[in-house]
């Protein structure tokens, strides 16, 4: 009988989550942040760092209501306006005051008073399914919005004459394109802010203009996809400053500005898209971030910096986990457990010397490496291509080699724009110490029966693990092999609506290892795609027959059908695919990995 060695791929939440999220096409329609739909969930008025505010029904798409969670992330050297006639200053809701005549309740309109030298405030918008906000976790079910415009108006100054007022600014990132007046009297400049990793759009004048929505101090950005929206408002001097964030296409331009787009970065050039994934199953085995040499497009001049950032809480093997630059003659290996501000050796690659700076945050768990040319040199897109192709992950720890997921985001900066982050996902996988011939989990009269058959000579006990969400696990029993044990049976008498099962065992070198996961779903109302990752065979579980399409990153349909047969078999090659499922007015996109 053919032996099947089971490999676990442990899925955890990464910087770019691979969990399924529903996607809804806004189609450039407006989102409304009206006062009547506002509830402060943490804090009394949203004006303190850490406050959380919920807006319900910012838009309804088909029959689906979308809500939004706004978190006031930080406030620096200033405060929300305290003038009694201009409250609530977290989101001013009318147009009755001087200089606010163009305000709309649908806008998000924070009002501030900045201290000497100016200040800033950062907000985070998370779009969720309507009604999914949880008062305990302060979260909801995240959704992806498609084709969203965001306008910001009145980016000017606060002086009535001269150029000595407080120059206001907004900062955005991750957008697909931007528009602002660069001629015919335009008053906006764009600068990259390395401390926030956002593009700073600032007023070039200190004069307070009279027409809030005027072209000359308006910025419009466009997002192909948007889920988590982060932006900063601020000013470079003291005084009052008002901001108007309009999630819509906005009024017509008097003179339509050119569309300015960030450069594009693609790690997986075998199928068009921005991401790449791979598996590491042995120590000292470097794995490349990218699969090709045509990674960068849309660069108009030169590349300034290359960024690599990652979740440092997932670096489990300390200095053994290494970013390797293939072919570098100096500084080829950078241990990924570096501290904030650590001194990193310059990297010499293809006769180019890169300065390297390192930042790491214990609070947010994000570490970042910045690779830049010396100030006297330039970096072409071809040279940046070569460097990105040389990026590899390796783990030199041959003793324990901690399994799990490592996620890296790569981006490039050109002048004032940073590319959308391209994600490289590496799964560190370890096989069980024995071979599983079969492994099943099946419902039986209200209980669930697990059965498995093995070969091999490991006599350590099997631990049966259970989860109801696929993330948090607990032990529900053990099975001790005997000399004649090849068939095993275990019954879960208390199943939940959705159940995940996994086997673990200590191998002969005293390393804890795991099987793959089995799932039994009693909740017929919940649509589940399982397993994921898979070998090309998967199941779409639903309480009714649904139609689906499997596409690659170009949107090309690879296969389509329905789930009338529980087990769907495909001839998909290894890679990342999207499954599109239509359920009435709701369209769900799920990312699926085929190994």
Protein backbone atom coordinates (compact mmCIF):
# COMPACT_ATOMS: atom_id res chain seq x y z
CA UNK A 1 0.00 0.00 0.00
CA UNK A 2 1.29 3.44 -0.89
CA UNK A 3 2.56 5.37 2.11
CA UNK A 4 1.35 8.95 2.54
CA UNK A 5 3.47 11.25 4.66
CA UNK A 6 1.33 14.02 6.17
CA UNK A 7 2.68 17.58 6.32
CA UNK A 8 1.15 20.24 8.54
CA UNK A 9 0.92 23.78 7.29
CA UNK A 10 0.05 25.89 10.32
CA UNK A 11 -2.02 28.89 9.26
CA UNK A 12 -1.75 32.06 11.34
CA UNK A 13 -2.77 35.65 10.78
CA UNK A 14 -0.12 37.43 8.72
CA UNK A 15 0.50 41.06 7.62
CA UNK A 16 -1.53 40.27 4.51
CA UNK A 17 -4.16 37.79 5.81
CA UNK A 18 -4.85 34.75 3.66
CA UNK A 19 -8.16 34.11 5.37
CA UNK A 20 -11.25 34.43 3.22
CA UNK A 21 -12.93 37.84 3.17
CA UNK A 22 -16.11 38.81 1.34
CA UNK A 23 -15.61 41.39 -1.40
CA UNK A 24 -18.10 44.10 -2.42
CA UNK A 25 -17.88 46.46 -5.39
CA UNK A 26 -18.50 50.05 -4.28
CA UNK A 27 -18.32 51.07 -7.97
CA UNK A 28 -17.21 54.60 -6.99
CA UNK A 29 -20.44 55.28 -5.08
CA UNK A 30 -20.20 57.43 -1.91
CA UNK A 31 -19.75 56.18 1.65
CA UNK A 32 -21.53 58.21 4.34
CA UNK A 33 -20.26 58.84 7.88
CA UNK A 34 -23.38 60.53 9.24
CA UNK A 35 -23.79 61.47 12.90
CA UNK A 36 -27.05 59.58 13.31
CA UNK A 37 -25.21 56.31 12.69
CA UNK A 38 -22.27 57.00 15.01
CA UNK A 39 -21.65 55.24 18.35
CA UNK A 40 -18.56 55.73 20.51
CA UNK A 41 -17.58 52.23 21.69
CA UNK A 42 -14.35 53.10 23.53
CA UNK A 43 -14.13 56.61 24.97
CA UNK A 44 -16.91 59.16 25.13
CA UNK A 45 -16.28 61.28 22.04
CA UNK A 46 -13.47 59.75 19.93
CA UNK A 47 -10.95 62.47 20.74
CA UNK A 48 -8.43 60.44 22.75
CA UNK A 49 -5.80 58.02 21.46
CA UNK A 50 -7.24 54.51 21.60
CA UNK A 51 -10.88 55.61 21.25
CA UNK A 52 -13.02 53.42 18.99
CA UNK A 53 -16.08 54.68 17.12
CA UNK A 54 -18.55 52.59 15.10
CA UNK A 55 -20.43 53.96 12.09
CA UNK A 56 -23.25 51.72 10.89
CA UNK A 57 -24.45 51.48 7.29
CA UNK A 58 -21.79 53.63 5.67
CA UNK A 59 -22.98 52.01 2.43
CA UNK A 60 -25.39 49.26 1.36
CA UNK A 61 -24.25 47.18 -1.62
CA UNK A 62 -27.07 45.06 -2.99
CA UNK A 63 -28.66 43.89 0.24
CA UNK A 64 -25.44 43.88 2.27
CA UNK A 65 -24.92 46.64 4.84
CA UNK A 66 -21.31 47.71 5.47
CA UNK A 67 -20.20 49.23 8.79
CA UNK A 68 -16.92 50.93 9.67
CA UNK A 69 -14.81 50.93 12.85
CA UNK A 70 -12.73 54.10 13.30
CA UNK A 71 -9.86 53.99 15.78
CA UNK A 72 -8.13 57.20 16.87
CA UNK A 73 -4.61 55.76 16.85
CA UNK A 74 -2.47 58.68 18.07
CA UNK A 75 -2.49 62.45 18.63
CA UNK A 76 0.78 64.40 18.64
CA UNK A 77 1.28 67.98 19.99
CA UNK A 78 -2.28 69.14 19.63
CA UNK A 79 -5.90 68.41 20.45
CA UNK A 80 -9.29 68.18 18.86
CA UNK A 81 -10.94 71.60 18.74
CA UNK A 82 -12.73 72.53 21.98
CA UNK A 83 -14.71 75.54 20.73
CA UNK A 84 -18.28 74.96 21.91
CA UNK A 85 -19.83 76.04 18.62
CA UNK A 86 -17.68 73.54 16.71
CA UNK A 87 -18.58 70.36 18.58
CA UNK A 88 -18.44 67.44 18.03
CA UNK A 89 -14.89 68.05 16.82
CA UNK A 90 -14.18 64.34 16.26
CA UNK A 91 -16.52 64.52 13.25
CA UNK A 92 -18.18 67.89 12.79
CA UNK A 93 -21.61 67.31 11.25
CA UNK A 94 -22.92 70.58 9.81
CA UNK A 95 -22.00 73.53 7.61
CA UNK A 96 -23.21 76.43 9.76
CA UNK A 97 -19.85 77.91 10.67
CA UNK A 98 -17.49 80.19 8.77
CA UNK A 99 -15.00 78.22 6.64
CA UNK A 100 -17.23 75.12 7.02
CA UNK A 101 -19.95 76.08 4.55
CA UNK A 102 -19.01 73.22 2.18
CA UNK A 103 -19.01 70.58 4.92
CA UNK A 104 -21.39 67.63 4.65
CA UNK A 105 -22.59 65.29 7.37
CA UNK A 106 -21.53 62.45 5.05
CA UNK A 107 -17.88 63.61 5.27
CA UNK A 108 -15.58 62.54 8.08
CA UNK A 109 -14.65 66.01 9.35
CA UNK A 110 -12.25 66.22 12.33
CA UNK A 111 -11.39 69.68 13.66
CA UNK A 112 -8.11 70.39 15.50
CA UNK A 113 -6.11 73.00 17.33
CA UNK A 114 -2.37 72.38 16.89
CA UNK A 115 0.35 73.45 19.30
CA UNK A 116 3.47 75.46 18.46
CA UNK A 117 5.38 73.66 15.73
CA UNK A 118 2.28 71.83 14.50
CA UNK A 119 1.05 68.30 15.13
CA UNK A 120 -0.74 65.30 13.68
CA UNK A 121 -3.41 62.68 14.35
CA UNK A 122 -3.59 59.16 12.89
CA UNK A 123 -6.87 57.36 12.19
CA UNK A 124 -7.58 53.78 11.18
CA UNK A 125 -10.77 52.77 9.35
CA UNK A 126 -11.70 49.05 9.26
CA UNK A 127 -14.68 48.11 7.07
CA UNK A 128 -16.80 45.22 8.38
CA UNK A 129 -20.03 43.40 7.64
CA UNK A 130 -23.04 45.26 8.96
CA UNK A 131 -24.03 44.12 12.45
CA UNK A 132 -20.85 42.06 13.02
CA UNK A 133 -19.20 44.38 15.57
CA UNK A 134 -18.36 42.53 18.80
CA UNK A 135 -18.46 44.67 21.94
CA UNK A 136 -16.03 42.33 23.71
CA UNK A 137 -13.33 41.99 21.06
CA UNK A 138 -13.97 45.48 19.58
CA UNK A 139 -13.76 43.88 16.13
CA UNK A 140 -16.05 42.70 13.36
CA UNK A 141 -16.02 40.54 10.23
CA UNK A 142 -13.63 42.33 7.86
CA UNK A 143 -14.67 42.92 4.25
CA UNK A 144 -12.87 44.08 1.12
CA UNK A 145 -14.31 47.05 -0.76
CA UNK A 146 -13.52 47.47 -4.44
CA UNK A 147 -13.23 50.67 -6.50
CA UNK A 148 -13.28 53.34 -3.79
CA UNK A 149 -12.53 57.06 -4.21
CA UNK A 150 -11.34 59.19 -1.28
CA UNK A 151 -11.16 62.99 -1.49
CA UNK A 152 -9.60 65.31 1.05
CA UNK A 153 -10.40 69.01 0.78
CA UNK A 154 -9.11 72.32 2.12
CA UNK A 155 -5.45 71.34 2.49
CA UNK A 156 -4.31 74.95 2.84
CA UNK A 157 -3.11 77.20 5.71
CA UNK A 158 -4.74 79.18 8.50
CA UNK A 159 -3.42 82.67 7.75
CA UNK A 160 -5.65 85.29 6.12
CA UNK A 161 -2.69 86.86 4.32
CA UNK A 162 0.91 86.08 3.53
CA UNK A 163 2.69 82.73 3.59
CA UNK A 164 3.33 82.42 7.33
CA UNK A 165 0.30 80.35 8.31
CA UNK A 166 0.11 76.70 9.32
CA UNK A 167 0.57 74.47 6.26
CA UNK A 168 -1.88 71.55 6.58
CA UNK A 169 -1.31 68.04 5.25
CA UNK A 170 -2.86 64.60 4.81
CA UNK A 171 -1.00 61.29 4.51
CA UNK A 172 -2.25 58.22 2.65
CA UNK A 173 -0.75 54.91 1.54
CA UNK A 174 -1.55 51.79 -0.45
CA UNK A 175 -3.58 53.65 -3.07
CA UNK A 176 -3.69 52.67 -6.73
CA UNK A 177 -3.57 56.25 -8.07
CA UNK A 178 -3.73 59.87 -6.96
CA UNK A 179 -4.81 63.18 -8.46
CA UNK A 180 -3.99 66.73 -7.41
CA UNK A 181 -3.41 69.97 -9.27
CA UNK A 182 0.25 70.17 -10.30
CA UNK A 183 -0.26 73.16 -12.60
CA UNK A 184 -2.68 76.10 -13.08
CA UNK A 185 -2.04 77.40 -9.59
CA UNK A 186 -2.09 74.10 -7.70
CA UNK A 187 -1.08 74.39 -4.04
CA UNK A 188 -0.31 70.73 -3.15
CA UNK A 189 3.08 69.03 -2.84
CA UNK A 190 3.71 65.29 -2.30
CA UNK A 191 6.53 64.03 -0.06
CA UNK A 192 7.22 60.54 1.27
CA UNK A 193 7.16 60.30 5.08
CA UNK A 194 9.53 57.50 6.07
CA UNK A 195 8.37 57.57 9.71
CA UNK A 196 4.78 56.66 8.76
CA UNK A 197 5.49 54.90 5.43
CA UNK A 198 2.79 57.09 3.87
CA UNK A 199 2.77 59.73 1.13
CA UNK A 200 2.42 63.19 2.67
CA UNK A 201 0.32 65.62 0.63
CA UNK A 202 1.03 69.09 2.07
CA UNK A 203 -0.11 72.61 1.31
CA UNK A 204 2.54 74.79 -0.29
CA UNK A 205 0.84 77.91 1.06
CA UNK A 206 0.05 79.20 4.53
CA UNK A 207 -2.96 81.16 3.25
CA UNK A 208 -6.43 80.02 4.29
CA UNK A 209 -8.34 79.65 1.02
CA UNK A 210 -12.05 80.47 0.94
CA UNK A 211 -13.54 77.70 -1.24
CA UNK A 212 -13.22 74.41 0.66
CA UNK A 213 -13.54 72.07 -2.34
CA UNK A 214 -11.38 74.17 -4.69
CA UNK A 215 -9.13 72.21 -7.06
CA UNK A 216 -5.93 73.89 -5.93
CA UNK A 217 -5.94 72.34 -2.43
CA UNK A 218 -7.80 69.08 -3.08
CA UNK A 219 -6.36 65.55 -3.26
CA UNK A 220 -8.19 62.52 -4.66
CA UNK A 221 -6.86 58.98 -4.24
CA UNK A 222 -8.32 55.78 -5.67
CA UNK A 223 -8.20 52.26 -4.23
CA UNK A 224 -8.74 49.16 -6.35
CA UNK A 225 -9.31 47.30 -3.08
CA UNK A 226 -9.70 48.67 0.42
CA UNK A 227 -10.26 46.96 3.78
CA UNK A 228 -8.04 48.65 6.35
CA UNK A 229 -7.66 52.37 5.63
CA UNK A 230 -4.98 54.29 7.53
CA UNK A 231 -4.36 58.01 7.18
CA UNK A 232 -2.86 60.98 9.03
CA UNK A 233 -4.03 64.61 9.24
CA UNK A 234 -1.84 67.40 10.55
CA UNK A 235 -0.24 70.81 10.12
CA UNK A 236 3.28 72.20 10.22
CA UNK A 237 2.39 75.12 12.47
CA UNK A 238 0.07 76.11 15.30
CA UNK A 239 -3.56 77.14 15.15
CA UNK A 240 -6.93 75.75 14.16
CA UNK A 241 -7.19 73.35 11.22
CA UNK A 242 -10.23 71.65 9.69
CA UNK A 243 -10.21 68.48 7.56
CA UNK A 244 -12.85 67.06 5.21
CA UNK A 245 -12.54 63.40 4.15
CA UNK A 246 -15.06 62.50 1.45
CA UNK A 247 -15.37 58.83 0.44
CA UNK A 248 -16.77 59.55 -3.02
CA UNK A 249 -15.68 60.66 -6.48
CA UNK A 250 -16.31 64.23 -5.32
CA UNK A 251 -17.28 67.22 -7.47
CA UNK A 252 -16.07 67.56 -11.05
CA UNK A 253 -12.65 69.10 -11.44
CA UNK A 254 -12.47 72.49 -13.12
CA UNK A 255 -9.37 71.20 -14.87
CA UNK A 256 -8.92 67.45 -14.44
CA UNK A 257 -5.40 66.71 -13.13
CA UNK A 258 -3.19 63.96 -14.44
CA UNK A 259 -3.42 60.57 -12.75
CA UNK A 260 -0.25 59.82 -10.77
CA UNK A 261 0.30 56.17 -9.90
CA UNK A 262 2.82 54.52 -7.56
CA UNK A 263 5.20 51.94 -9.01
CA UNK A 264 4.03 48.32 -9.06
CA UNK A 265 5.82 45.34 -7.54
CA UNK A 266 5.08 41.68 -8.34
CA UNK A 267 6.81 38.74 -6.62
CA UNK A 268 5.12 35.92 -8.52
CA UNK A 269 5.65 36.49 -12.22
CA UNK A 270 4.58 32.99 -13.29
CA UNK A 271 1.02 34.24 -12.78
CA UNK A 272 0.26 37.94 -12.77
CA UNK A 273 -0.27 39.22 -9.24
CA UNK A 274 1.63 40.68 -6.34
CA UNK A 275 2.14 37.70 -4.01
CA UNK A 276 4.16 34.52 -3.77
CA UNK A 277 4.14 31.53 -1.45
CA UNK A 278 6.46 28.62 -0.74
CA UNK A 279 7.22 25.91 1.81
CA UNK A 280 10.39 25.20 3.81
CA UNK A 281 10.71 21.65 5.14
CA UNK A 282 14.45 21.43 5.91
CA UNK A 283 17.06 23.58 7.61
CA UNK A 284 19.74 25.46 5.64
CA UNK A 285 17.53 25.41 2.53
CA UNK A 286 17.11 28.97 1.19
CA UNK A 287 13.73 29.74 -0.40
CA UNK A 288 13.40 32.61 -2.89
CA UNK A 289 10.90 35.44 -2.37
CA UNK A 290 10.17 35.68 -6.10
CA UNK A 291 9.91 33.31 -9.05
CA UNK A 292 11.00 35.59 -11.88
CA UNK A 293 12.92 38.63 -13.00
CA UNK A 294 10.11 40.94 -14.20
CA UNK A 295 8.89 42.21 -10.86
CA UNK A 296 8.78 46.00 -11.15
CA UNK A 297 6.76 48.27 -13.43
CA UNK A 298 5.62 51.87 -13.46
CA UNK A 299 8.95 53.39 -12.36
CA UNK A 300 9.35 56.78 -14.02
CA UNK A 301 12.78 57.76 -12.74
CA UNK A 302 14.84 55.83 -10.20
CA UNK A 303 14.08 53.63 -7.20
CA UNK A 304 14.98 55.25 -3.90
CA UNK A 305 14.49 52.43 -1.38
CA UNK A 306 13.56 48.75 -1.10
CA UNK A 307 11.62 47.76 2.03
CA UNK A 308 11.20 44.35 3.67
CA UNK A 309 8.95 44.17 6.72
CA UNK A 310 7.59 41.26 8.73
CA UNK A 311 5.82 40.22 11.92
CA UNK A 312 8.67 39.68 14.40
CA UNK A 313 6.42 37.73 16.80
CA UNK A 314 6.54 34.89 14.24
CA UNK A 315 10.37 34.70 14.32
CA UNK A 316 10.53 31.69 16.66
CA UNK A 317 14.12 30.51 16.16
CA UNK A 318 15.97 33.73 16.94
CA UNK A 319 19.14 34.46 14.99
CA UNK A 320 18.75 31.15 13.11
CA UNK A 321 16.07 32.74 10.94
CA UNK A 322 17.86 34.69 8.24
CA UNK A 323 17.16 36.99 5.31
CA UNK A 324 19.73 35.87 2.74
CA UNK A 325 20.71 38.03 -0.26
CA UNK A 326 21.82 35.52 -2.86
CA UNK A 327 25.08 36.47 -4.57
CA UNK A 328 25.95 39.29 -2.16
CA UNK A 329 29.70 39.62 -1.59
CA UNK A 330 29.19 41.40 1.75
CA UNK A 331 26.35 41.46 4.27
CA UNK A 332 24.64 38.48 2.64
CA UNK A 333 22.93 37.21 5.81
CA UNK A 334 20.76 39.33 8.12
CA UNK A 335 19.43 37.64 11.24
CA UNK A 336 15.74 38.49 11.59
CA UNK A 337 15.69 38.93 15.37
CA UNK A 338 17.36 42.36 15.18
CA UNK A 339 16.52 45.12 17.66
CA UNK A 340 15.16 48.54 16.82
CA UNK A 341 17.94 50.70 15.39
CA UNK A 342 20.39 47.80 15.21
CA UNK A 343 23.54 48.35 13.19
CA UNK A 344 23.33 46.24 10.01
CA UNK A 345 26.32 45.64 7.74
CA UNK A 346 26.09 47.25 4.30
CA UNK A 347 25.07 44.82 1.58
CA UNK A 348 27.16 44.63 -1.60
CA UNK A 349 25.20 43.00 -4.44
CA UNK A 350 26.14 43.15 -8.15
CA UNK A 351 28.84 45.70 -7.26
CA UNK A 352 26.23 48.03 -5.72
CA UNK A 353 26.59 48.99 -2.06
CA UNK A 354 23.28 49.27 -0.19
CA UNK A 355 22.94 51.07 3.11
CA UNK A 356 20.72 49.08 5.49
CA UNK A 357 18.67 50.48 8.36
CA UNK A 358 16.64 48.40 10.81
CA UNK A 359 13.57 49.27 12.85
CA UNK A 360 11.58 47.01 15.14
CA UNK A 361 8.52 47.70 17.28
CA UNK A 362 7.81 45.58 20.34
CA UNK A 363 4.38 47.18 20.63
CA UNK A 364 3.09 46.45 17.14
CA UNK A 365 5.36 43.46 16.45
CA UNK A 366 6.55 44.79 13.09
CA UNK A 367 10.19 44.84 12.00
CA UNK A 368 11.41 46.64 8.89
CA UNK A 369 14.60 46.65 6.83
CA UNK A 370 15.30 49.54 4.47
CA UNK A 371 17.81 49.04 1.65
CA UNK A 372 18.95 52.26 -0.04
CA UNK A 373 21.74 53.35 -2.30
CA UNK A 374 24.38 55.73 -0.92
CA UNK A 375 23.43 59.39 -1.37
CA UNK A 376 25.85 59.78 -4.28
CA UNK A 377 24.38 56.90 -6.31
CA UNK A 378 21.18 55.95 -8.09
CA UNK A 379 19.19 52.74 -8.25
CA UNK A 380 17.52 51.77 -11.53
CA UNK A 381 14.46 49.55 -11.72
CA UNK A 382 16.62 46.82 -13.31
CA UNK A 383 19.05 46.94 -10.38
CA UNK A 384 16.16 46.85 -7.92
CA UNK A 385 14.76 43.86 -9.85
CA UNK A 386 18.03 42.02 -9.44
CA UNK A 387 18.16 42.74 -5.71
CA UNK A 388 14.57 41.60 -5.09
CA UNK A 389 15.23 38.40 -7.06
CA UNK A 390 18.14 37.74 -4.68
CA UNK A 391 15.98 37.86 -1.51
CA UNK A 392 15.70 34.48 0.21
CA UNK A 393 14.52 33.13 3.56
CA UNK A 394 16.41 30.37 5.35
CA UNK A 395 16.44 28.75 8.80
CA UNK A 396 19.73 27.38 10.07
CA UNK A 397 18.25 25.75 13.21
CA UNK A 398 18.53 22.02 12.49
CA UNK A 399 17.62 21.11 16.08
CA UNK A 400 14.04 22.31 16.49
CA UNK A 401 13.12 24.27 13.31
CA UNK A 402 9.93 25.77 14.73
CA UNK A 403 7.05 25.12 12.38
CA UNK A 404 4.57 27.81 11.41
CA UNK A 405 4.10 30.69 9.02
CA UNK A 406 6.48 33.57 8.26
CA UNK A 407 5.08 36.50 6.28
CA UNK A 408 7.17 39.19 4.55
CA UNK A 409 5.96 42.36 2.83
CA UNK A 410 8.19 43.84 0.12
CA UNK A 411 7.76 47.29 -1.41
CA UNK A 412 9.75 49.94 -3.26
CA UNK A 413 9.71 53.75 -3.07
CA UNK A 414 10.07 56.14 -5.96
CA UNK A 415 10.26 59.83 -5.00
CA UNK A 416 7.07 60.40 -2.92
CA UNK A 417 5.18 57.18 -3.70
CA UNK A 418 5.57 53.69 -2.23
CA UNK A 419 4.30 50.67 -4.14
CA UNK A 420 1.58 48.44 -2.81
CA UNK A 421 3.15 45.83 -0.55
CA UNK A 422 3.82 42.45 -2.15
CA UNK A 423 3.55 39.55 0.29
CA UNK A 424 5.83 36.52 0.45
CA UNK A 425 4.41 33.74 2.61
CA UNK A 426 6.74 30.96 3.76
CA UNK A 427 5.40 27.94 5.64
CA UNK A 428 7.86 26.00 7.77
CA UNK A 429 6.51 22.43 7.68
CA UNK A 430 7.55 19.28 9.56
CA UNK A 431 6.37 15.73 8.78
CA UNK A 432 4.98 13.32 11.37
CA UNK A 433 7.47 10.68 12.62
CA UNK A 434 5.27 7.93 11.16
CA UNK A 435 3.32 7.39 7.96
CA UNK A 436 -0.45 7.73 7.94
CA UNK A 437 -2.12 5.35 5.53
CA UNK A 438 -5.52 6.92 6.23
CA UNK A 439 -7.03 9.53 8.54
CA UNK A 440 -10.78 10.35 8.69
CA UNK A 441 -13.27 12.31 10.82
CA UNK A 442 -16.95 11.45 10.26
CA UNK A 443 -20.24 12.26 12.06
CA UNK A 444 -22.02 9.32 13.71
CA UNK A 445 -25.40 9.76 15.50
CA UNK A 446 -24.55 13.15 16.97
CA UNK A 447 -20.92 12.30 17.76
CA UNK A 448 -17.79 12.39 15.58
CA UNK A 449 -15.58 9.34 15.05
CA UNK A 450 -11.88 9.75 14.21
CA UNK A 451 -10.10 6.80 12.62
CA UNK A 452 -6.54 6.51 11.37
CA UNK A 453 -4.18 3.80 10.18
CA UNK A 454 -0.40 3.97 10.48
CA UNK A 455 2.87 2.24 9.74
CA UNK A 456 6.14 2.99 11.50
CA UNK A 457 7.84 2.15 14.77
CA UNK A 458 7.23 5.26 16.91
CA UNK A 459 5.48 4.21 20.14
CA UNK A 460 4.89 7.62 21.69
CA UNK A 461 1.21 8.48 22.39
CA UNK A 462 -0.98 10.26 19.88
CA UNK A 463 -2.57 13.44 21.24
CA UNK A 464 -5.97 14.28 19.74
CA UNK A 465 -6.41 18.04 19.36
CA UNK A 466 -9.67 19.86 18.70
CA UNK A 467 -10.56 23.40 17.61
CA UNK A 468 -13.85 25.15 16.84
CA UNK A 469 -12.25 27.97 14.84
CA UNK A 470 -9.15 26.36 13.27
CA UNK A 471 -6.88 28.63 15.35
CA UNK A 472 -7.24 27.81 19.05
CA UNK A 473 -6.64 24.15 19.97
CA UNK A 474 -7.11 21.94 23.05
CA UNK A 475 -6.41 18.28 23.80
CA UNK A 476 -9.47 16.00 24.08
CA UNK A 477 -7.73 12.65 24.50
CA UNK A 478 -4.79 10.37 23.74
CA UNK A 479 -4.13 7.00 22.10
CA UNK A 480 -1.14 4.87 23.16
CA UNK A 481 0.28 2.60 20.45
CA UNK A 482 1.04 -1.04 21.23
CA UNK A 483 3.24 -3.47 19.32
CA UNK A 484 0.30 -4.50 17.17
CA UNK A 485 -1.38 -1.07 16.85
CA UNK A 486 -1.93 0.06 13.28
CA UNK A 487 -5.64 1.00 13.45
CA UNK A 488 -6.92 3.68 15.83
CA UNK A 489 -10.37 4.96 16.77
CA UNK A 490 -11.45 7.90 18.92
CA UNK A 491 -14.96 9.30 19.48
CA UNK A 492 -15.78 12.92 20.29
CA UNK A 493 -19.07 12.74 22.20
CA UNK A 494 -19.48 16.53 22.46
CA UNK A 495 -19.00 18.04 19.00
CA UNK A 496 -19.57 21.71 18.25
CA UNK A 497 -21.34 23.11 15.15
CA UNK A 498 -17.95 23.32 13.39
CA UNK A 499 -15.12 20.98 14.47
CA UNK A 500 -11.44 20.74 13.46
CA UNK A 501 -9.25 17.77 14.48
CA UNK A 502 -5.51 17.21 14.39
CA UNK A 503 -3.09 14.56 15.65
CA UNK A 504 0.21 15.34 17.36
CA UNK A 505 3.03 13.03 18.43
CA UNK A 506 6.55 13.30 19.87
CA UNK A 507 9.06 11.81 17.44
CA UNK A 508 12.13 9.76 18.36
CA UNK A 509 14.27 12.92 18.54
CA UNK A 510 11.84 14.40 21.12
CA UNK A 511 10.31 16.91 18.65
CA UNK A 512 6.56 17.59 18.72
CA UNK A 513 5.05 17.16 15.27
CA UNK A 514 1.55 17.28 13.79
CA UNK A 515 -0.70 15.73 11.16
CA UNK A 516 -2.89 17.68 8.78
CA UNK A 517 -6.38 18.84 9.82
CA UNK A 518 -9.78 17.18 9.41
CA UNK A 519 -13.07 19.11 9.69
CA UNK A 520 -16.71 18.18 10.34
CA UNK A 521 -19.34 20.91 9.90
CA UNK A 522 -22.82 20.54 11.43
CA UNK A 523 -23.63 24.20 10.73
CA UNK A 524 -25.34 23.96 7.37
CA UNK A 525 -25.75 27.74 7.16
CA UNK A 526 -22.02 28.45 7.10
CA UNK A 527 -20.15 28.21 3.80
CA UNK A 528 -16.73 26.63 4.28
CA UNK A 529 -13.97 25.74 1.78
CA UNK A 530 -11.88 22.89 3.13
CA UNK A 531 -9.05 21.88 3.26
CA UNK A 532 -6.96 24.94 2.53
CA UNK A 533 -4.10 24.45 1.62
CA UNK A 534 -4.89 21.32 -0.46
CA UNK A 535 -3.51 19.16 -3.25
CA UNK A 536 -6.13 20.24 -5.78
CA UNK A 537 -9.04 18.41 -4.16
CA UNK A 538 -11.37 20.44 -1.93
CA UNK A 539 -14.93 20.70 -0.64
CA UNK A 540 -17.30 23.68 -0.63
CA UNK A 541 -19.72 23.05 2.23
CA UNK A 542 -23.01 24.97 2.13
CA UNK A 543 -26.67 24.35 2.88
CA UNK A 544 -27.46 24.67 -0.81
CA UNK A 545 -25.79 24.22 -4.19
CA UNK A 546 -23.63 27.23 -5.12
CA UNK A 547 -21.80 28.01 -8.34
CA UNK A 548 -18.09 28.80 -8.23
CA UNK A 549 -15.19 29.89 -10.41
CA UNK A 550 -11.49 29.30 -9.78
CA UNK A 551 -9.27 32.06 -11.22
CA UNK A 552 -5.59 32.89 -11.25
CA UNK A 553 -4.14 36.35 -10.48
CA UNK A 554 -4.93 37.63 -13.97
CA UNK A 555 -8.60 36.87 -13.42
CA UNK A 556 -8.46 34.07 -15.98
CA UNK A 557 -11.03 31.38 -15.19
CA UNK A 558 -9.22 28.08 -14.65
CA UNK A 559 -12.28 26.00 -13.80
CA UNK A 560 -15.91 26.48 -12.85
CA UNK A 561 -18.84 24.40 -11.64
CA UNK A 562 -20.97 23.89 -8.57
CA UNK A 563 -20.75 21.96 -5.31
CA UNK A 564 -23.42 19.37 -6.13
CA UNK A 565 -20.66 16.77 -5.71
CA UNK A 566 -19.07 17.22 -2.24
CA UNK A 567 -15.47 16.52 -3.30
CA UNK A 568 -14.25 18.80 -6.08
CA UNK A 569 -11.25 17.45 -7.97
CA UNK A 570 -9.05 19.65 -10.13
CA UNK A 571 -5.81 19.51 -12.07
CA UNK A 572 -4.51 22.75 -10.56
CA UNK A 573 -0.75 23.10 -10.36
CA UNK A 574 0.97 24.39 -7.23
CA UNK A 575 0.24 28.05 -6.52
CA UNK A 576 -2.31 30.55 -5.21
CA UNK A 577 -5.81 30.77 -6.68
CA UNK A 578 -9.03 32.63 -5.97
CA UNK A 579 -12.44 30.96 -5.64
CA UNK A 580 -15.36 33.23 -6.53
CA UNK A 581 -18.72 32.11 -5.12
CA UNK A 582 -21.98 33.89 -5.97
CA UNK A 583 -24.79 33.72 -3.40
CA UNK A 584 -27.55 36.07 -4.53
CA UNK A 585 -26.28 39.65 -4.23
CA UNK A 586 -23.25 38.56 -2.23
CA UNK A 587 -19.98 37.60 -3.88
CA UNK A 588 -17.35 35.85 -1.77
CA UNK A 589 -13.68 35.59 -2.77
CA UNK A 590 -11.48 33.04 -1.01
CA UNK A 591 -7.77 32.58 -1.48
CA UNK A 592 -6.79 28.93 -1.91
CA UNK A 593 -3.30 27.44 -1.83
CA UNK A 594 -2.55 24.32 -3.87
CA UNK A 595 0.61 22.52 -2.75
